[in-house]
């Protein structure tokens, strides 16, 4: 599996887990689940940033442009 494919897979899996945990917030320890969601969001956004960086190598687009094209906001926290 190529590096970009693996990173996309990780980001997709993290997004699915985030969705599941958000749905479970009302059923369990809210603070613990909230922290897990936040950790997974950071992991997902990091994976998305890595995908963007891999896609721009040798190209003439920026990582922010790649992110916007995919509808991701993974650079929102990273850059301010």
Protein backbone atom coordinates (compact mmCIF):
# COMPACT_ATOMS: atom_id res chain seq x y z
CA UNK A 1 0.00 0.00 0.00
CA UNK A 2 1.36 3.43 -0.91
CA UNK A 3 2.06 5.97 1.83
CA UNK A 4 -0.70 8.36 0.73
CA UNK A 5 -3.21 5.48 0.59
CA UNK A 6 -2.25 4.40 4.10
CA UNK A 7 -2.61 7.93 5.43
CA UNK A 8 -6.00 8.37 3.74
CA UNK A 9 -7.07 5.07 5.26
CA UNK A 10 -6.01 6.23 8.74
CA UNK A 11 -7.82 9.55 8.28
CA UNK A 12 -10.97 7.77 7.10
CA UNK A 13 -10.88 5.36 10.02
CA UNK A 14 -10.34 8.22 12.48
CA UNK A 15 -13.31 10.09 10.99
CA UNK A 16 -15.52 7.00 11.41
CA UNK A 17 -14.42 6.55 15.03
CA UNK A 18 -15.07 10.25 15.70
CA UNK A 19 -18.61 9.88 14.38
CA UNK A 20 -19.20 6.79 16.55
CA UNK A 21 -17.80 8.43 19.68
CA UNK A 22 -19.84 11.57 19.16
CA UNK A 23 -22.96 9.39 19.02
CA UNK A 24 -21.95 7.69 22.28
CA UNK A 25 -21.35 10.94 24.19
CA UNK A 26 -24.80 10.86 25.77
CA UNK A 27 -24.39 7.25 26.88
CA UNK A 28 -21.07 7.22 28.72
CA UNK A 29 -18.43 9.23 30.50
CA UNK A 30 -18.79 12.47 28.60
CA UNK A 31 -15.41 13.97 29.47
CA UNK A 32 -13.48 10.80 28.61
CA UNK A 33 -15.32 10.43 25.31
CA UNK A 34 -14.90 14.12 24.53
CA UNK A 35 -11.13 13.76 25.01
CA UNK A 36 -11.06 10.69 22.74
CA UNK A 37 -12.95 12.61 20.06
CA UNK A 38 -10.53 15.54 20.32
CA UNK A 39 -7.49 13.22 20.16
CA UNK A 40 -8.90 11.48 17.09
CA UNK A 41 -9.68 14.80 15.41
CA UNK A 42 -6.05 15.84 15.86
CA UNK A 43 -4.89 12.47 14.50
CA UNK A 44 -7.28 12.74 11.53
CA UNK A 45 -6.19 16.30 10.75
CA UNK A 46 -2.52 15.32 11.01
CA UNK A 47 -3.10 12.47 8.55
CA UNK A 48 -4.97 14.82 6.22
CA UNK A 49 -2.11 17.34 6.39
CA UNK A 50 0.34 14.57 5.51
CA UNK A 51 -1.79 13.62 2.49
CA UNK A 52 -1.80 17.24 1.35
CA UNK A 53 1.97 17.47 1.76
CA UNK A 54 2.50 14.29 -0.26
CA UNK A 55 0.21 15.51 -3.03
CA UNK A 56 1.98 18.86 -3.45
CA UNK A 57 5.52 17.49 -3.69
CA UNK A 58 6.85 18.58 -7.05
CA UNK A 59 3.60 20.35 -7.90
CA UNK A 60 2.56 23.97 -8.08
CA UNK A 61 -0.28 23.93 -5.54
CA UNK A 62 -0.16 24.55 -1.81
CA UNK A 63 -1.19 22.18 0.94
CA UNK A 64 -3.99 24.61 1.81
CA UNK A 65 -5.31 24.41 -1.78
CA UNK A 66 -5.30 20.60 -1.70
CA UNK A 67 -7.10 20.69 1.65
CA UNK A 68 -9.76 23.11 0.40
CA UNK A 69 -10.34 21.03 -2.75
CA UNK A 70 -11.16 18.03 -0.53
CA UNK A 71 -13.36 20.03 1.83
CA UNK A 72 -10.99 19.52 4.76
CA UNK A 73 -10.27 22.13 7.43
CA UNK A 74 -7.19 20.37 8.77
CA UNK A 75 -5.00 23.47 8.56
CA UNK A 76 -7.42 25.64 10.56
CA UNK A 77 -5.78 24.88 13.95
CA UNK A 78 -2.30 24.26 12.56
CA UNK A 79 -1.99 27.76 11.10
CA UNK A 80 -3.96 29.82 13.51
